[in-house]
């Protein structure tokens, strides 16, 4: 029974990203970009977020979106560009 349950759980985890063809909504992308301190970082967050699949947790974002969010914490545009370029 434990093996069957383990197989079901693993198969659900395996198929979830494939079955979910939904993307993050524009409102959610705007909410994430709203925390950015520079306009450039907000634009990068919107660009990277636009075609990203909907996820449950923020640690499931792809590398580019994570880097854009990190760049959004910078106080200047130059620092944000450096963070984004070094991160990706």
N, C-alpha and C. Protein backbone atom coordinates (compact mmCIF):
# COMPACT_ATOMS: atom_id res chain seq x y z
N UNK A 1 0.82 -1.19 0.00
CA UNK A 1 0.00 0.00 0.00
C UNK A 1 0.87 1.26 0.00
N UNK A 2 1.97 1.23 0.78
CA UNK A 2 2.87 2.38 0.82
C UNK A 2 3.52 2.60 -0.53
N UNK A 3 3.85 1.50 -1.22
CA UNK A 3 4.47 1.63 -2.54
C UNK A 3 3.48 2.24 -3.53
N UNK A 4 2.23 1.81 -3.46
CA UNK A 4 1.22 2.36 -4.35
C UNK A 4 1.01 3.84 -4.08
N UNK A 5 0.95 4.22 -2.82
CA UNK A 5 0.80 5.64 -2.47
C UNK A 5 2.01 6.44 -2.95
N UNK A 6 3.19 5.89 -2.79
CA UNK A 6 4.40 6.57 -3.25
C UNK A 6 4.37 6.75 -4.77
N UNK A 7 3.92 5.76 -5.49
CA UNK A 7 3.84 5.84 -6.95
C UNK A 7 2.84 6.91 -7.36
N UNK A 8 1.72 6.96 -6.70
CA UNK A 8 0.70 7.97 -7.02
C UNK A 8 1.24 9.37 -6.74
N UNK A 9 1.88 9.57 -5.62
CA UNK A 9 2.42 10.89 -5.27
C UNK A 9 3.49 11.32 -6.26
N UNK A 10 4.40 10.42 -6.59
CA UNK A 10 5.46 10.74 -7.54
C UNK A 10 4.88 11.05 -8.92
N UNK A 11 3.89 10.28 -9.34
CA UNK A 11 3.30 10.54 -10.65
C UNK A 11 2.57 11.88 -10.68
N UNK A 12 1.90 12.25 -9.60
CA UNK A 12 1.24 13.55 -9.55
C UNK A 12 2.25 14.69 -9.59
N UNK A 13 3.34 14.54 -8.86
CA UNK A 13 4.38 15.56 -8.88
C UNK A 13 5.03 15.65 -10.25
N UNK A 14 5.15 14.52 -10.91
CA UNK A 14 5.77 14.48 -12.24
C UNK A 14 4.87 15.14 -13.28
N UNK A 15 3.59 14.90 -13.22
CA UNK A 15 2.66 15.37 -14.24
C UNK A 15 2.14 16.77 -14.00
N UNK A 16 2.26 17.30 -12.83
CA UNK A 16 1.68 18.60 -12.51
C UNK A 16 2.19 19.71 -13.42
N UNK A 17 3.50 19.87 -13.65
CA UNK A 17 3.94 20.95 -14.53
C UNK A 17 3.48 20.75 -15.98
N UNK A 18 3.38 19.50 -16.41
CA UNK A 18 2.97 19.23 -17.78
C UNK A 18 1.49 19.51 -17.96
N UNK A 19 0.70 19.10 -17.00
CA UNK A 19 -0.75 19.26 -17.11
C UNK A 19 -1.18 20.71 -16.94
N UNK A 20 -0.44 21.48 -16.18
CA UNK A 20 -0.82 22.87 -15.91
C UNK A 20 -0.26 23.76 -17.02
N UNK A 21 -1.11 24.17 -17.92
CA UNK A 21 -0.70 25.05 -19.01
C UNK A 21 -1.13 26.48 -18.75
N UNK A 22 -1.38 26.80 -17.50
CA UNK A 22 -1.79 28.15 -17.15
C UNK A 22 -0.57 29.01 -16.90
N UNK A 23 -0.69 30.28 -17.24
CA UNK A 23 0.39 31.23 -17.02
C UNK A 23 0.03 32.16 -15.87
N UNK A 24 1.05 32.79 -15.30
CA UNK A 24 0.82 33.75 -14.23
C UNK A 24 0.01 34.92 -14.80
N UNK A 25 -0.97 35.35 -14.06
CA UNK A 25 -1.84 36.43 -14.54
C UNK A 25 -1.08 37.76 -14.58
N UNK A 26 -1.60 38.67 -15.38
CA UNK A 26 -0.99 40.00 -15.46
C UNK A 26 -1.05 40.71 -14.12
N UNK A 27 -2.11 40.47 -13.37
CA UNK A 27 -2.25 41.11 -12.06
C UNK A 27 -1.17 40.62 -11.10
N UNK A 28 -0.88 39.32 -11.13
CA UNK A 28 0.15 38.77 -10.25
C UNK A 28 1.52 39.29 -10.67
N UNK A 29 1.77 39.37 -11.98
CA UNK A 29 3.05 39.93 -12.46
C UNK A 29 3.19 41.39 -12.02
N UNK A 30 2.11 42.15 -12.12
CA UNK A 30 2.15 43.54 -11.70
C UNK A 30 2.37 43.65 -10.19
N UNK A 31 1.79 42.73 -9.44
CA UNK A 31 1.99 42.73 -7.99
C UNK A 31 3.45 42.45 -7.64
N UNK A 32 4.05 41.48 -8.34
CA UNK A 32 5.47 41.17 -8.10
C UNK A 32 6.34 42.36 -8.50
N UNK A 33 6.03 42.97 -9.64
CA UNK A 33 6.82 44.11 -10.14
C UNK A 33 6.61 45.35 -9.28
N UNK A 34 5.52 45.42 -8.57
CA UNK A 34 5.25 46.59 -7.74
C UNK A 34 6.22 46.75 -6.59
N UNK A 35 6.89 45.67 -6.21
CA UNK A 35 7.87 45.75 -5.13
C UNK A 35 9.24 46.22 -5.61
N UNK A 36 9.43 46.34 -6.92
CA UNK A 36 10.73 46.76 -7.47
C UNK A 36 10.98 48.23 -7.16
N UNK A 37 12.23 48.55 -6.90
CA UNK A 37 12.59 49.93 -6.54
C UNK A 37 12.94 50.79 -7.76
N UNK A 38 13.19 50.15 -8.91
CA UNK A 38 13.50 50.91 -10.12
C UNK A 38 12.55 50.50 -11.24
N UNK A 39 12.32 51.40 -12.17
CA UNK A 39 11.44 51.11 -13.30
C UNK A 39 12.03 50.02 -14.19
N UNK A 40 13.36 50.04 -14.36
CA UNK A 40 14.01 49.03 -15.20
C UNK A 40 13.79 47.64 -14.62
N UNK A 41 13.95 47.48 -13.33
CA UNK A 41 13.76 46.18 -12.69
C UNK A 41 12.31 45.73 -12.79
N UNK A 42 11.38 46.67 -12.64
CA UNK A 42 9.96 46.34 -12.77
C UNK A 42 9.66 45.85 -14.18
N UNK A 43 10.26 46.50 -15.19
CA UNK A 43 10.07 46.07 -16.57
C UNK A 43 10.63 44.67 -16.80
N UNK A 44 11.79 44.38 -16.21
CA UNK A 44 12.39 43.05 -16.36
C UNK A 44 11.52 41.99 -15.69
N UNK A 45 10.96 42.32 -14.54
CA UNK A 45 10.07 41.37 -13.85
C UNK A 45 8.85 41.09 -14.71
N UNK A 46 8.25 42.13 -15.26
CA UNK A 46 7.08 41.95 -16.12
C UNK A 46 7.45 41.11 -17.34
N UNK A 47 8.58 41.41 -17.98
CA UNK A 47 8.99 40.67 -19.17
C UNK A 47 9.24 39.19 -18.86
N UNK A 48 9.90 38.92 -17.75
CA UNK A 48 10.22 37.53 -17.40
C UNK A 48 9.01 36.79 -16.84
N UNK A 49 8.07 37.52 -16.30
CA UNK A 49 6.90 36.91 -15.67
C UNK A 49 5.81 36.59 -16.67
N UNK A 50 5.78 37.31 -17.79
CA UNK A 50 4.64 37.26 -18.70
C UNK A 50 4.32 35.86 -19.20
N UNK A 51 5.31 35.07 -19.60
CA UNK A 51 5.08 33.72 -20.13
C UNK A 51 5.45 32.64 -19.14
N UNK A 52 5.55 32.97 -17.88
CA UNK A 52 5.93 31.99 -16.86
C UNK A 52 4.69 31.18 -16.44
N UNK A 53 4.89 29.88 -16.30
CA UNK A 53 3.77 29.04 -15.87
C UNK A 53 3.40 29.37 -14.43
N UNK A 54 2.13 29.17 -14.13
CA UNK A 54 1.64 29.41 -12.77
C UNK A 54 2.26 28.39 -11.83
N UNK A 55 2.79 28.85 -10.71
CA UNK A 55 3.41 27.97 -9.72
C UNK A 55 2.78 28.23 -8.36
N UNK A 56 3.00 27.28 -7.47
CA UNK A 56 2.42 27.40 -6.14
C UNK A 56 3.29 28.25 -5.22
N UNK A 57 4.60 28.05 -5.29
CA UNK A 57 5.52 28.73 -4.39
C UNK A 57 6.51 29.56 -5.20
N UNK A 58 7.01 30.63 -4.58
CA UNK A 58 7.93 31.52 -5.29
C UNK A 58 9.28 30.87 -5.58
N UNK A 59 9.67 29.85 -4.84
CA UNK A 59 10.95 29.20 -5.13
C UNK A 59 10.88 28.36 -6.41
N UNK A 60 9.70 28.20 -6.99
CA UNK A 60 9.55 27.45 -8.23
C UNK A 60 9.69 28.34 -9.47
N UNK A 61 9.91 29.64 -9.29
CA UNK A 61 10.12 30.53 -10.44
C UNK A 61 11.39 30.12 -11.16
N UNK A 62 11.45 30.41 -12.47
CA UNK A 62 12.66 30.09 -13.21
C UNK A 62 13.78 31.07 -12.86
N UNK A 63 14.96 30.78 -13.35
CA UNK A 63 16.15 31.55 -12.98
C UNK A 63 16.02 33.02 -13.37
N UNK A 64 15.49 33.29 -14.55
CA UNK A 64 15.40 34.67 -15.02
C UNK A 64 14.46 35.51 -14.15
N UNK A 65 13.34 34.93 -13.77
CA UNK A 65 12.40 35.68 -12.92
C UNK A 65 12.98 35.88 -11.52
N UNK A 66 13.66 34.88 -10.99
CA UNK A 66 14.31 35.05 -9.68
C UNK A 66 15.36 36.16 -9.74
N UNK A 67 16.13 36.20 -10.82
CA UNK A 67 17.15 37.24 -10.96
C UNK A 67 16.52 38.62 -11.11
N UNK A 68 15.40 38.70 -11.83
CA UNK A 68 14.72 39.98 -11.98
C UNK A 68 14.18 40.47 -10.64
N UNK A 69 13.69 39.54 -9.82
CA UNK A 69 13.20 39.92 -8.49
C UNK A 69 14.35 40.40 -7.61
N UNK A 70 15.50 39.73 -7.70
CA UNK A 70 16.68 40.18 -6.95
C UNK A 70 17.10 41.57 -7.41
N UNK A 71 17.09 41.79 -8.73
CA UNK A 71 17.46 43.10 -9.26
C UNK A 71 16.49 44.17 -8.81
N UNK A 72 15.25 43.80 -8.58
CA UNK A 72 14.25 44.76 -8.12
C UNK A 72 14.51 45.29 -6.73
N UNK A 73 15.35 44.60 -5.98
CA UNK A 73 15.67 45.06 -4.62
C UNK A 73 16.78 46.10 -4.60
N UNK A 74 17.45 46.30 -5.75
CA UNK A 74 18.54 47.28 -5.83
C UNK A 74 17.97 48.70 -5.82
N UNK A 75 18.72 49.63 -5.30
CA UNK A 75 18.26 51.02 -5.17
C UNK A 75 18.49 51.85 -6.44
N UNK A 76 19.45 51.46 -7.27
CA UNK A 76 19.72 52.21 -8.50
C UNK A 76 19.59 51.29 -9.70
N UNK A 77 19.37 51.90 -10.86
CA UNK A 77 19.23 51.11 -12.08
C UNK A 77 20.53 50.41 -12.46
N UNK A 78 21.65 51.09 -12.25
CA UNK A 78 22.95 50.49 -12.56
C UNK A 78 23.18 49.25 -11.70
N UNK A 79 22.88 49.34 -10.44
CA UNK A 79 23.03 48.18 -9.55
C UNK A 79 22.07 47.07 -9.95
N UNK A 80 20.86 47.43 -10.34
CA UNK A 80 19.89 46.42 -10.77
C UNK A 80 20.37 45.70 -12.02
N UNK A 81 20.91 46.45 -12.97
CA UNK A 81 21.45 45.82 -14.19
C UNK A 81 22.60 44.89 -13.86
N UNK A 82 23.49 45.31 -12.98
CA UNK A 82 24.63 44.47 -12.59
C UNK A 82 24.16 43.19 -11.91
N UNK A 83 23.22 43.30 -11.01
CA UNK A 83 22.69 42.13 -10.32
C UNK A 83 22.06 41.17 -11.31
N UNK A 84 21.25 41.70 -12.22
CA UNK A 84 20.58 40.84 -13.20
C UNK A 84 21.58 40.16 -14.13
N UNK A 85 22.57 40.93 -14.60
CA UNK A 85 23.56 40.36 -15.52
C UNK A 85 24.44 39.31 -14.84
N UNK A 86 24.81 39.54 -13.58
CA UNK A 86 25.65 38.58 -12.87
C UNK A 86 24.87 37.34 -12.44
N UNK A 87 23.58 37.49 -12.26
CA UNK A 87 22.76 36.39 -11.79
C UNK A 87 22.42 35.43 -12.92
N UNK A 88 22.16 35.96 -14.10
CA UNK A 88 21.79 35.08 -15.23
C UNK A 88 23.01 34.66 -15.90
